Amino acid sequence: MRTMKIKLKNKTKATYIVSVNEEIWGILPAKILRFFPLHPDIENDLPETEKNKILLEIEKYSWDRLLNFITYRERSTRECEIFLKLLPLKSDLIEKLLAKAIELNLLKDERFAEMLVNDLLQKGKSKQEIRNKLCEKKVNSEIIENCLNKQFSFEIEEDLLNINLDRAIRKYVSLPSEKRKEKILNYLTRKGFSYWEVKEKMEEKEI
């Protein structure tokens, strides 16, 4: 009878990393592993016939973990991929679970980007700050630009500049005039607003 070499290594008190023939397959809790004749920290021989059973349990457990991760808040596909890699989980199962989540409409980067843009707009974030945040979340660049073009208008950008300028004025209100101007200009350009747009707006407000 053909056998496979399985090793269990503690990830936490209640979960183990499962390696098969020196390849990490994923993680399983002790309460599931007790149904298999396996012992931690030693190399276990298990019949090949048990392979699919263990793989199925790893897939089911990882899917549950992914669902918990997704339902906590909207996620990008890349965030979920990183989450599964860190469980850890073998690459072909990662691809399978991500494809399943996308097919069930649990993952949709366009929806994720739109919700994040709306949230950051309400917080007064600039277009560049929002773009940077979406890049940080590993959203595809084409999706980012499409979403920004859809959500932003000249009026919205103008409002955001006014909101952030007012914040900067309050932030540096106690400084001498010239120092205050310099600080405000630097503050707003760091946030991604154009130097000349900020300069023009400051002159308009007689700052």
N, C-alpha and C. Protein backbone atom coordinates (compact mmCIF):
# COMPACT_ATOMS: atom_id res chain seq x y z
N MET A 1 0.85 -1.21 0.00
CA MET A 1 0.00 0.00 0.00
C MET A 1 0.88 1.25 0.00
N ARG A 2 0.58 2.17 -0.90
CA ARG A 2 1.34 3.42 -0.96
C ARG A 2 0.97 4.32 0.21
N THR A 3 1.98 4.95 0.76
CA THR A 3 1.73 5.86 1.87
C THR A 3 2.29 7.25 1.55
N MET A 4 1.85 8.22 2.33
CA MET A 4 2.39 9.58 2.20
C MET A 4 2.88 10.02 3.57
N LYS A 5 3.88 10.88 3.55
CA LYS A 5 4.48 11.37 4.78
C LYS A 5 3.78 12.66 5.21
N ILE A 6 3.16 12.63 6.39
CA ILE A 6 2.44 13.80 6.89
C ILE A 6 3.05 14.25 8.21
N LYS A 7 3.26 15.56 8.30
CA LYS A 7 3.79 16.12 9.53
C LYS A 7 2.90 17.26 9.99
N LEU A 8 2.65 17.31 11.29
CA LEU A 8 1.84 18.37 11.89
C LEU A 8 2.73 19.26 12.74
N LYS A 9 2.54 20.56 12.56
CA LYS A 9 3.30 21.52 13.36
C LYS A 9 2.34 22.53 13.96
N ASN A 10 2.48 22.77 15.24
CA ASN A 10 1.59 23.74 15.91
C ASN A 10 1.66 25.11 15.27
N LYS A 11 0.49 25.65 14.92
CA LYS A 11 0.42 27.07 14.55
C LYS A 11 -0.06 27.85 15.77
N THR A 12 -1.13 27.34 16.38
CA THR A 12 -1.62 27.85 17.66
C THR A 12 -1.87 26.64 18.55
N LYS A 13 -2.40 26.88 19.74
CA LYS A 13 -2.70 25.75 20.63
C LYS A 13 -3.73 24.82 20.02
N ALA A 14 -4.62 25.39 19.21
CA ALA A 14 -5.75 24.60 18.70
C ALA A 14 -5.63 24.23 17.23
N THR A 15 -4.64 24.78 16.50
CA THR A 15 -4.53 24.48 15.07
C THR A 15 -3.12 24.02 14.70
N TYR A 16 -3.07 23.23 13.62
CA TYR A 16 -1.80 22.67 13.16
C TYR A 16 -1.60 22.96 11.68
N ILE A 17 -0.35 23.22 11.32
CA ILE A 17 0.02 23.29 9.90
C ILE A 17 0.25 21.87 9.42
N VAL A 18 -0.41 21.51 8.31
CA VAL A 18 -0.33 20.15 7.78
C VAL A 18 0.60 20.14 6.57
N SER A 19 1.69 19.37 6.65
CA SER A 19 2.62 19.20 5.53
C SER A 19 2.55 17.77 5.03
N VAL A 20 2.47 17.62 3.71
CA VAL A 20 2.41 16.29 3.10
C VAL A 20 3.61 16.15 2.16
N ASN A 21 4.42 15.13 2.42
CA ASN A 21 5.65 14.93 1.63
C ASN A 21 6.46 16.22 1.54
N GLU A 22 6.57 16.91 2.69
CA GLU A 22 7.36 18.14 2.86
C GLU A 22 6.77 19.36 2.14
N GLU A 23 5.54 19.25 1.67
CA GLU A 23 4.85 20.41 1.07
C GLU A 23 3.72 20.84 2.01
N ILE A 24 3.68 22.13 2.34
CA ILE A 24 2.60 22.63 3.20
C ILE A 24 1.30 22.64 2.42
N TRP A 25 0.28 21.99 2.98
CA TRP A 25 -1.03 21.95 2.35
C TRP A 25 -1.98 22.99 2.94
N GLY A 26 -1.90 23.19 4.24
CA GLY A 26 -2.83 24.12 4.87
C GLY A 26 -2.85 23.91 6.37
N ILE A 27 -3.93 24.38 7.00
CA ILE A 27 -4.06 24.20 8.45
C ILE A 27 -5.38 23.50 8.78
N LEU A 28 -5.35 22.82 9.91
CA LEU A 28 -6.56 22.17 10.43
C LEU A 28 -6.58 22.26 11.95
N PRO A 29 -7.76 22.39 12.53
CA PRO A 29 -7.86 22.40 13.99
C PRO A 29 -7.72 20.99 14.55
N ALA A 30 -7.30 20.92 15.80
CA ALA A 30 -7.11 19.63 16.47
C ALA A 30 -8.39 18.81 16.49
N LYS A 31 -9.54 19.49 16.60
CA LYS A 31 -10.82 18.76 16.70
C LYS A 31 -11.15 17.99 15.41
N ILE A 32 -10.58 18.41 14.27
CA ILE A 32 -10.76 17.67 13.02
C ILE A 32 -9.66 16.62 12.87
N LEU A 33 -8.44 16.98 13.23
CA LEU A 33 -7.31 16.05 13.08
C LEU A 33 -7.44 14.81 13.94
N ARG A 34 -8.23 14.89 15.01
CA ARG A 34 -8.37 13.72 15.89
C ARG A 34 -9.04 12.54 15.19
N PHE A 35 -9.67 12.82 14.03
CA PHE A 35 -10.31 11.73 13.27
C PHE A 35 -9.30 10.99 12.39
N PHE A 36 -8.05 11.48 12.36
CA PHE A 36 -6.99 10.82 11.59
C PHE A 36 -5.92 10.32 12.56
N PRO A 37 -5.29 9.18 12.25
CA PRO A 37 -4.25 8.63 13.15
C PRO A 37 -2.93 9.38 12.98
N LEU A 38 -2.90 10.64 13.43
CA LEU A 38 -1.72 11.49 13.25
C LEU A 38 -1.24 12.02 14.59
N HIS A 39 0.07 12.22 14.69
CA HIS A 39 0.66 12.75 15.91
C HIS A 39 1.53 13.96 15.57
N PRO A 40 1.46 15.00 16.38
CA PRO A 40 2.23 16.23 16.10
C PRO A 40 3.74 16.02 16.19
N ASP A 41 4.46 16.83 15.41
CA ASP A 41 5.93 16.95 15.47
C ASP A 41 6.70 15.68 15.13
N ILE A 42 6.02 14.71 14.54
CA ILE A 42 6.74 13.55 14.01
C ILE A 42 6.22 13.29 12.60
N GLU A 43 6.98 12.52 11.83
CA GLU A 43 6.55 12.19 10.48
C GLU A 43 5.61 10.99 10.54
N ASN A 44 4.39 11.18 10.07
CA ASN A 44 3.37 10.13 10.11
C ASN A 44 3.22 9.50 8.73
N ASP A 45 3.10 8.19 8.70
CA ASP A 45 2.77 7.49 7.45
C ASP A 45 1.27 7.30 7.39
N LEU A 46 0.68 7.73 6.28
CA LEU A 46 -0.77 7.60 6.13
C LEU A 46 -1.05 7.06 4.73
N PRO A 47 -1.99 6.13 4.59
CA PRO A 47 -2.30 5.59 3.27
C PRO A 47 -2.71 6.69 2.29
N GLU A 48 -2.31 6.54 1.04
CA GLU A 48 -2.67 7.50 -0.01
C GLU A 48 -4.19 7.67 -0.11
N THR A 49 -4.93 6.63 0.29
CA THR A 49 -6.39 6.70 0.22
C THR A 49 -6.97 7.79 1.11
N GLU A 50 -6.19 8.22 2.12
CA GLU A 50 -6.65 9.27 3.03
C GLU A 50 -6.37 10.67 2.49
N LYS A 51 -5.62 10.74 1.40
CA LYS A 51 -5.18 12.03 0.86
C LYS A 51 -6.35 12.96 0.58
N ASN A 52 -7.33 12.47 -0.15
CA ASN A 52 -8.47 13.33 -0.53
C ASN A 52 -9.30 13.76 0.67
N LYS A 53 -9.37 12.90 1.68
CA LYS A 53 -10.13 13.25 2.88
C LYS A 53 -9.49 14.45 3.59
N ILE A 54 -8.17 14.38 3.75
CA ILE A 54 -7.45 15.47 4.41
C ILE A 54 -7.53 16.75 3.58
N LEU A 55 -7.35 16.60 2.28
CA LEU A 55 -7.41 17.77 1.38
C LEU A 55 -8.77 18.43 1.45
N LEU A 56 -9.82 17.62 1.49
CA LEU A 56 -11.18 18.15 1.56
C LEU A 56 -11.40 18.90 2.88
N GLU A 57 -10.90 18.35 3.97
CA GLU A 57 -11.05 19.02 5.28
C GLU A 57 -10.30 20.35 5.30
N ILE A 58 -9.11 20.37 4.71
CA ILE A 58 -8.34 21.62 4.63
C ILE A 58 -9.09 22.65 3.80
N GLU A 59 -9.64 22.21 2.69
CA GLU A 59 -10.39 23.12 1.82
C GLU A 59 -11.61 23.69 2.55
N LYS A 60 -12.36 22.83 3.22
CA LYS A 60 -13.57 23.28 3.94
C LYS A 60 -13.21 24.26 5.06
N TYR A 61 -12.17 23.93 5.80
CA TYR A 61 -11.76 24.80 6.91
C TYR A 61 -11.26 26.15 6.40
N SER A 62 -10.47 26.12 5.34
CA SER A 62 -9.93 27.37 4.76
C SER A 62 -11.04 28.22 4.17
N TRP A 63 -12.04 27.58 3.59
CA TRP A 63 -13.19 28.31 3.04
C TRP A 63 -13.94 29.03 4.17
N ASP A 64 -14.13 28.34 5.27
CA ASP A 64 -14.80 28.98 6.42
C ASP A 64 -14.01 30.18 6.93
N ARG A 65 -12.69 30.02 6.98
CA ARG A 65 -11.84 31.14 7.42
C ARG A 65 -11.94 32.31 6.44
N LEU A 66 -11.96 32.01 5.16
CA LEU A 66 -12.08 33.06 4.14
C LEU A 66 -13.42 33.77 4.26
N LEU A 67 -14.50 33.01 4.47
CA LEU A 67 -15.83 33.62 4.62
C LEU A 67 -15.86 34.57 5.81
N ASN A 68 -15.26 34.17 6.91
CA ASN A 68 -15.20 35.06 8.08
C ASN A 68 -14.44 36.33 7.77
N PHE A 69 -13.37 36.19 7.01
CA PHE A 69 -12.54 37.33 6.63
C PHE A 69 -13.32 38.29 5.72
N ILE A 70 -14.08 37.73 4.79
CA ILE A 70 -14.85 38.55 3.83
C ILE A 70 -16.04 39.22 4.49
N THR A 71 -16.72 38.51 5.38
CA THR A 71 -17.95 39.06 5.97
C THR A 71 -17.66 40.15 7.00
N TYR A 72 -16.43 40.21 7.50
CA TYR A 72 -16.09 41.27 8.46
C TYR A 72 -16.21 42.64 7.80
N ARG A 73 -15.73 42.75 6.56
CA ARG A 73 -15.90 43.95 5.74
C ARG A 73 -15.58 43.59 4.30
N GLU A 74 -15.90 44.48 3.37
CA GLU A 74 -15.59 44.24 1.96
C GLU A 74 -14.08 44.14 1.78
N ARG A 75 -13.65 43.18 0.96
CA ARG A 75 -12.22 42.95 0.73
C ARG A 75 -11.89 42.95 -0.76
N SER A 76 -10.63 43.25 -1.07
CA SER A 76 -10.16 43.10 -2.44
C SER A 76 -9.71 41.65 -2.65
N THR A 77 -9.66 41.22 -3.90
CA THR A 77 -9.22 39.86 -4.21
C THR A 77 -7.79 39.63 -3.71
N ARG A 78 -6.95 40.63 -3.91
CA ARG A 78 -5.55 40.50 -3.50
C ARG A 78 -5.43 40.39 -1.98
N GLU A 79 -6.24 41.14 -1.23
CA GLU A 79 -6.24 41.02 0.23
C GLU A 79 -6.56 39.58 0.64
N CYS A 80 -7.55 38.99 -0.03
CA CYS A 80 -7.96 37.62 0.30
C CYS A 80 -6.88 36.62 -0.07
N GLU A 81 -6.21 36.87 -1.18
CA GLU A 81 -5.11 35.98 -1.59
C GLU A 81 -3.99 36.00 -0.54
N ILE A 82 -3.65 37.19 -0.08
CA ILE A 82 -2.60 37.32 0.95
C ILE A 82 -3.04 36.64 2.25
N PHE A 83 -4.32 36.83 2.61
CA PHE A 83 -4.86 36.20 3.82
C PHE A 83 -4.71 34.68 3.75
N LEU A 84 -5.06 34.08 2.61
CA LEU A 84 -4.98 32.63 2.47
C LEU A 84 -3.53 32.14 2.46
N LYS A 85 -2.65 32.92 1.85
CA LYS A 85 -1.23 32.54 1.85
C LYS A 85 -0.67 32.51 3.26
N LEU A 86 -1.15 33.43 4.08
CA LEU A 86 -0.64 33.52 5.45
C LEU A 86 -1.26 32.51 6.40
N LEU A 87 -2.30 31.79 5.93
CA LEU A 87 -2.92 30.80 6.84
C LEU A 87 -1.91 29.77 7.37
N PRO A 88 -1.15 29.05 6.57
CA PRO A 88 -0.94 29.08 5.12
C PRO A 88 -1.85 28.10 4.39
N LEU A 89 -1.80 28.16 3.01
CA LEU A 89 -2.60 27.25 2.18
C LEU A 89 -1.88 27.06 0.86
N LYS A 90 -1.93 25.84 0.33
CA LYS A 90 -1.24 25.55 -0.93
C LYS A 90 -1.87 26.34 -2.08
N SER A 91 -1.06 26.71 -3.06
CA SER A 91 -1.44 27.67 -4.09
C SER A 91 -2.64 27.25 -4.93
N ASP A 92 -2.75 25.96 -5.26
CA ASP A 92 -3.88 25.55 -6.10
C ASP A 92 -5.21 25.67 -5.34
N LEU A 93 -5.18 25.48 -4.02
CA LEU A 93 -6.40 25.66 -3.23
C LEU A 93 -6.74 27.14 -3.08
N ILE A 94 -5.71 27.98 -3.00
CA ILE A 94 -5.95 29.43 -2.95
C ILE A 94 -6.70 29.87 -4.20
N GLU A 95 -6.21 29.45 -5.35
CA GLU A 95 -6.85 29.80 -6.63
C GLU A 95 -8.29 29.28 -6.67
N LYS A 96 -8.49 28.08 -6.20
CA LYS A 96 -9.83 27.47 -6.22
C LYS A 96 -10.81 28.25 -5.34
N LEU A 97 -10.38 28.60 -4.13
CA LEU A 97 -11.27 29.31 -3.20
C LEU A 97 -11.55 30.74 -3.66
N LEU A 98 -10.55 31.40 -4.23
CA LEU A 98 -10.78 32.76 -4.75
C LEU A 98 -11.76 32.73 -5.91
N ALA A 99 -11.59 31.75 -6.80
CA ALA A 99 -12.50 31.61 -7.94
C ALA A 99 -13.93 31.35 -7.46
N LYS A 100 -14.07 30.55 -6.44
CA LYS A 100 -15.39 30.24 -5.87
C LYS A 100 -16.03 31.51 -5.28
N ALA A 101 -15.24 32.29 -4.55
CA ALA A 101 -15.75 33.52 -3.93
C ALA A 101 -16.18 34.53 -4.99
N ILE A 102 -15.41 34.62 -6.07
CA ILE A 102 -15.75 35.54 -7.17
C ILE A 102 -17.02 35.08 -7.86
N GLU A 103 -17.12 33.77 -8.11
CA GLU A 103 -18.30 33.21 -8.78
C GLU A 103 -19.57 33.45 -7.95
N LEU A 104 -19.44 33.39 -6.63
CA LEU A 104 -20.59 33.61 -5.74
C LEU A 104 -20.84 35.09 -5.46
N ASN A 105 -20.06 35.94 -6.13
CA ASN A 105 -20.17 37.40 -5.98
C ASN A 105 -19.83 37.88 -4.56
N LEU A 106 -19.06 37.09 -3.85
CA LEU A 106 -18.60 37.49 -2.52
C LEU A 106 -17.38 38.40 -2.64
N LEU A 107 -16.68 38.26 -3.76
CA LEU A 107 -15.52 39.10 -4.06
C LEU A 107 -15.76 39.81 -5.38
N LYS A 108 -15.60 41.12 -5.37
CA LYS A 108 -15.72 41.89 -6.61
C LYS A 108 -14.92 43.18 -6.43
N ASP A 109 -13.79 43.26 -7.11
CA ASP A 109 -12.89 44.39 -6.90
C ASP A 109 -13.51 45.73 -7.27
N GLU A 110 -14.39 45.73 -8.29
CA GLU A 110 -15.06 46.98 -8.67
C GLU A 110 -15.94 47.49 -7.53
N ARG A 111 -16.66 46.58 -6.90
CA ARG A 111 -17.53 46.96 -5.78
C ARG A 111 -16.69 47.42 -4.58
N PHE A 112 -15.62 46.69 -4.33
CA PHE A 112 -14.72 47.05 -3.23
C PHE A 112 -14.16 48.46 -3.43
N ALA A 113 -13.70 48.73 -4.65
CA ALA A 113 -13.11 50.04 -4.95
C ALA A 113 -14.13 51.15 -4.79
N GLU A 114 -15.34 50.92 -5.29
CA GLU A 114 -16.39 51.94 -5.21
C GLU A 114 -16.74 52.26 -3.75
N MET A 115 -16.86 51.23 -2.93
CA MET A 115 -17.21 51.44 -1.52
C MET A 115 -16.09 52.17 -0.78
N LEU A 116 -14.84 51.80 -1.09
CA LEU A 116 -13.71 52.45 -0.42
C LEU A 116 -13.60 53.91 -0.84
N VAL A 117 -13.81 54.19 -2.13
CA VAL A 117 -13.77 55.57 -2.62
C VAL A 117 -14.84 56.41 -1.91
N ASN A 118 -16.06 55.89 -1.83
CA ASN A 118 -17.14 56.63 -1.17
C ASN A 118 -16.82 56.91 0.29
N ASP A 119 -16.26 55.91 0.96
CA ASP A 119 -15.90 56.06 2.38
C ASP A 119 -14.83 57.13 2.56
N LEU A 120 -13.81 57.10 1.70
CA LEU A 120 -12.71 58.06 1.82
C LEU A 120 -13.12 59.46 1.39
N LEU A 121 -14.05 59.54 0.45
CA LEU A 121 -14.58 60.86 0.05
C LEU A 121 -15.29 61.52 1.23
N GLN A 122 -16.06 60.72 1.96
CA GLN A 122 -16.77 61.26 3.13
C GLN A 122 -15.80 61.75 4.20
N LYS A 123 -14.59 61.20 4.20
CA LYS A 123 -13.58 61.62 5.17
C LYS A 123 -12.73 62.78 4.64
N GLY A 124 -13.08 63.25 3.43
CA GLY A 124 -12.38 64.40 2.87
C GLY A 124 -11.02 64.09 2.28
N LYS A 125 -10.78 62.84 1.90
CA LYS A 125 -9.48 62.47 1.33
C LYS A 125 -9.38 62.95 -0.12
N SER A 126 -8.17 63.33 -0.50
CA SER A 126 -7.94 63.82 -1.87
C SER A 126 -7.95 62.66 -2.86
N LYS A 127 -8.03 63.00 -4.14
CA LYS A 127 -8.03 61.98 -5.19
C LYS A 127 -6.75 61.15 -5.13
N GLN A 128 -5.62 61.81 -4.91
CA GLN A 128 -4.34 61.08 -4.86
C GLN A 128 -4.26 60.19 -3.63
N GLU A 129 -4.77 60.66 -2.51
CA GLU A 129 -4.78 59.83 -1.30
C GLU A 129 -5.63 58.59 -1.51
N ILE A 130 -6.76 58.77 -2.19
CA ILE A 130 -7.65 57.63 -2.46
C ILE A 130 -6.98 56.66 -3.43
N ARG A 131 -6.33 57.20 -4.46
CA ARG A 131 -5.61 56.35 -5.41
C ARG A 131 -4.53 55.53 -4.68
N ASN A 132 -3.80 56.19 -3.81
CA ASN A 132 -2.74 55.49 -3.05
C ASN A 132 -3.32 54.39 -2.17
N LYS A 133 -4.48 54.66 -1.57
CA LYS A 133 -5.12 53.67 -0.69
C LYS A 133 -5.56 52.45 -1.49
N LEU A 134 -6.11 52.68 -2.67
CA LEU A 134 -6.53 51.57 -3.53
C LEU A 134 -5.33 50.75 -4.00
N CYS A 135 -4.24 51.43 -4.31
CA CYS A 135 -3.01 50.72 -4.69
C CYS A 135 -2.49 49.88 -3.53
N GLU A 136 -2.58 50.44 -2.34
CA GLU A 136 -2.17 49.75 -1.12
C GLU A 136 -2.97 48.46 -0.93
N LYS A 137 -4.24 48.51 -1.33
CA LYS A 137 -5.12 47.34 -1.22
C LYS A 137 -4.96 46.38 -2.40
N LYS A 138 -4.00 46.69 -3.28
CA LYS A 138 -3.65 45.83 -4.42
C LYS A 138 -4.77 45.71 -5.45
N VAL A 139 -5.56 46.77 -5.60
CA VAL A 139 -6.60 46.77 -6.63
C VAL A 139 -5.95 47.04 -7.98
N ASN A 140 -6.43 46.36 -9.02
CA ASN A 140 -5.92 46.53 -10.38
C ASN A 140 -5.97 47.99 -10.80
N SER A 141 -4.89 48.48 -11.44
CA SER A 141 -4.79 49.90 -11.78
C SER A 141 -5.90 50.37 -12.72
N GLU A 142 -6.34 49.51 -13.62
CA GLU A 142 -7.43 49.88 -14.54
C GLU A 142 -8.73 50.09 -13.77
N ILE A 143 -9.01 49.21 -12.81
CA ILE A 143 -10.21 49.35 -11.97
C ILE A 143 -10.12 50.64 -11.16
N ILE A 144 -8.93 50.94 -10.64
CA ILE A 144 -8.75 52.17 -9.85
C ILE A 144 -9.10 53.39 -10.68
N GLU A 145 -8.52 53.50 -11.86
CA GLU A 145 -8.74 54.69 -12.69
C GLU A 145 -10.19 54.80 -13.15
N ASN A 146 -10.79 53.66 -13.51
CA ASN A 146 -12.21 53.68 -13.91
C ASN A 146 -13.10 54.17 -12.77
N CYS A 147 -12.81 53.69 -11.58
CA CYS A 147 -13.61 54.07 -10.41
C CYS A 147 -13.43 55.55 -10.08
N LEU A 148 -12.19 56.03 -10.11
CA LEU A 148 -11.93 57.44 -9.81
C LEU A 148 -12.58 58.36 -10.85
N ASN A 149 -12.49 57.97 -12.12
CA ASN A 149 -13.12 58.77 -13.18
C ASN A 149 -14.64 58.84 -13.02
N LYS A 150 -15.19 57.73 -12.54
CA LYS A 150 -16.64 57.66 -12.35
C LYS A 150 -17.09 58.49 -11.14
N GLN A 151 -16.31 58.48 -10.08
CA GLN A 151 -16.71 59.10 -8.82
C GLN A 151 -16.35 60.58 -8.72
N PHE A 152 -15.30 60.98 -9.44
CA PHE A 152 -14.81 62.35 -9.28
C PHE A 152 -15.32 63.27 -10.38
N SER A 153 -15.53 64.52 -9.99
CA SER A 153 -15.89 65.59 -10.93
C SER A 153 -15.11 66.83 -10.50
N PHE A 154 -15.13 67.86 -11.33
CA PHE A 154 -14.44 69.11 -10.98
C PHE A 154 -14.99 69.67 -9.67
N GLU A 155 -16.32 69.61 -9.52
CA GLU A 155 -16.97 70.16 -8.32
C GLU A 155 -16.53 69.42 -7.06
N ILE A 156 -16.45 68.09 -7.16
CA ILE A 156 -16.03 67.29 -6.00
C ILE A 156 -14.59 67.61 -5.62
N GLU A 157 -13.72 67.71 -6.62
CA GLU A 157 -12.31 68.02 -6.34
C GLU A 157 -12.17 69.41 -5.72
N GLU A 158 -13.00 70.34 -6.20
CA GLU A 158 -13.01 71.70 -5.66
C GLU A 158 -13.45 71.69 -4.19
N ASP A 159 -14.50 70.93 -3.91
CA ASP A 159 -15.00 70.82 -2.52
C ASP A 159 -13.94 70.22 -1.60
N LEU A 160 -13.27 69.18 -2.10
CA LEU A 160 -12.24 68.52 -1.29
C LEU A 160 -11.08 69.46 -0.98
N LEU A 161 -10.70 70.26 -1.97
CA LEU A 161 -9.62 71.22 -1.75
C LEU A 161 -10.04 72.24 -0.68
N ASN A 162 -11.28 72.71 -0.76
CA ASN A 162 -11.78 73.67 0.24
C ASN A 162 -11.81 73.06 1.64
N ILE A 163 -12.29 71.81 1.72
CA ILE A 163 -12.36 71.12 3.02
C ILE A 163 -10.97 70.98 3.64
N ASN A 164 -10.02 70.54 2.82
CA ASN A 164 -8.67 70.31 3.32
C ASN A 164 -7.93 71.62 3.59
N LEU A 165 -8.24 72.64 2.82
CA LEU A 165 -7.63 73.95 3.08
C LEU A 165 -8.11 74.49 4.42
N ASP A 166 -9.41 74.35 4.68
CA ASP A 166 -9.95 74.80 5.98
C ASP A 166 -9.30 74.05 7.14
N ARG A 167 -9.08 72.75 6.95
CA ARG A 167 -8.41 71.95 7.99
C ARG A 167 -6.99 72.47 8.23
N ALA A 168 -6.29 72.75 7.13
CA ALA A 168 -4.91 73.23 7.24
C ALA A 168 -4.84 74.59 7.93
N ILE A 169 -5.81 75.45 7.61
CA ILE A 169 -5.85 76.78 8.25
C ILE A 169 -6.00 76.63 9.76
N ARG A 170 -6.92 75.73 10.18
CA ARG A 170 -7.12 75.50 11.62
C ARG A 170 -5.87 74.88 12.27
N LYS A 171 -5.24 74.00 11.51
CA LYS A 171 -4.06 73.28 12.03
C LYS A 171 -2.90 74.24 12.32
N TYR A 172 -2.73 75.23 11.45
CA TYR A 172 -1.57 76.13 11.56
C TYR A 172 -1.96 77.56 11.94
N VAL A 173 -3.11 77.71 12.56
CA VAL A 173 -3.65 79.04 12.85
C VAL A 173 -2.72 79.88 13.75
N SER A 174 -1.95 79.23 14.59
CA SER A 174 -1.14 79.97 15.56
C SER A 174 0.21 80.42 15.00
N LEU A 175 0.55 80.00 13.78
CA LEU A 175 1.86 80.34 13.22
C LEU A 175 1.87 81.74 12.61
N PRO A 176 3.04 82.36 12.52
CA PRO A 176 3.14 83.64 11.81
C PRO A 176 2.72 83.48 10.35
N SER A 177 2.27 84.55 9.74
CA SER A 177 1.65 84.52 8.42
C SER A 177 2.46 83.76 7.36
N GLU A 178 3.72 84.11 7.17
CA GLU A 178 4.52 83.48 6.12
C GLU A 178 4.78 82.00 6.40
N LYS A 179 5.04 81.71 7.66
CA LYS A 179 5.27 80.31 8.05
C LYS A 179 3.99 79.50 7.86
N ARG A 180 2.85 80.11 8.19
CA ARG A 180 1.56 79.44 8.03
C ARG A 180 1.31 79.11 6.57
N LYS A 181 1.57 80.07 5.68
CA LYS A 181 1.38 79.85 4.23
C LYS A 181 2.22 78.67 3.74
N GLU A 182 3.48 78.66 4.18
CA GLU A 182 4.40 77.59 3.76
C GLU A 182 3.90 76.23 4.24
N LYS A 183 3.48 76.17 5.51
CA LYS A 183 3.00 74.91 6.09
C LYS A 183 1.74 74.42 5.39
N ILE A 184 0.81 75.35 5.13
CA ILE A 184 -0.45 74.99 4.46
C ILE A 184 -0.16 74.45 3.06
N LEU A 185 0.70 75.12 2.34
CA LEU A 185 1.04 74.70 0.97
C LEU A 185 1.67 73.31 0.97
N ASN A 186 2.61 73.09 1.87
CA ASN A 186 3.26 71.77 1.96
C ASN A 186 2.28 70.68 2.38
N TYR A 187 1.43 71.01 3.33
CA TYR A 187 0.43 70.06 3.84
C TYR A 187 -0.49 69.58 2.72
N LEU A 188 -0.97 70.51 1.91
CA LEU A 188 -1.94 70.16 0.86
C LEU A 188 -1.28 69.49 -0.34
N THR A 189 -0.06 69.90 -0.69
CA THR A 189 0.61 69.23 -1.81
C THR A 189 1.00 67.80 -1.43
N ARG A 190 1.33 67.57 -0.17
CA ARG A 190 1.60 66.20 0.29
C ARG A 190 0.36 65.32 0.18
N LYS A 191 -0.78 65.92 0.30
CA LYS A 191 -2.04 65.18 0.18
C LYS A 191 -2.43 64.92 -1.27
N GLY A 192 -1.63 65.45 -2.20
CA GLY A 192 -1.87 65.16 -3.61
C GLY A 192 -2.54 66.27 -4.39
N PHE A 193 -2.79 67.41 -3.75
CA PHE A 193 -3.37 68.54 -4.47
C PHE A 193 -2.27 69.26 -5.24
N SER A 194 -2.64 69.78 -6.42
CA SER A 194 -1.69 70.49 -7.26
C SER A 194 -1.18 71.76 -6.57
N TYR A 195 0.13 71.99 -6.68
CA TYR A 195 0.75 73.18 -6.09
C TYR A 195 0.05 74.44 -6.56
N TRP A 196 -0.21 74.54 -7.87
CA TRP A 196 -0.79 75.76 -8.42
C TRP A 196 -2.26 75.91 -8.05
N GLU A 197 -2.97 74.79 -7.94
CA GLU A 197 -4.37 74.86 -7.49
C GLU A 197 -4.45 75.35 -6.05
N VAL A 198 -3.56 74.84 -5.22
CA VAL A 198 -3.53 75.26 -3.82
C VAL A 198 -3.16 76.74 -3.72
N LYS A 199 -2.14 77.13 -4.47
CA LYS A 199 -1.67 78.52 -4.47
C LYS A 199 -2.80 79.46 -4.87
N GLU A 200 -3.50 79.08 -5.93
CA GLU A 200 -4.61 79.90 -6.43
C GLU A 200 -5.73 80.00 -5.40
N LYS A 201 -6.04 78.87 -4.76
CA LYS A 201 -7.12 78.85 -3.77
C LYS A 201 -6.74 79.68 -2.54
N MET A 202 -5.49 79.64 -2.15
CA MET A 202 -5.03 80.43 -1.01
C MET A 202 -5.11 81.93 -1.31
N GLU A 203 -4.77 82.29 -2.54
CA GLU A 203 -4.86 83.70 -2.94
C GLU A 203 -6.32 84.15 -2.98
N GLU A 204 -7.17 83.23 -3.45
CA GLU A 204 -8.61 83.52 -3.51
C GLU A 204 -9.17 83.79 -2.12
N LYS A 205 -8.66 83.03 -1.13
CA LYS A 205 -9.13 83.19 0.25
C LYS A 205 -8.30 84.22 1.03
N GLU A 206 -7.35 84.83 0.31
CA GLU A 206 -6.49 85.87 0.90
C GLU A 206 -5.72 85.36 2.11
N ILE A 207 -5.13 84.21 1.93
CA ILE A 207 -4.32 83.61 3.01
C ILE A 207 -2.86 84.01 2.80
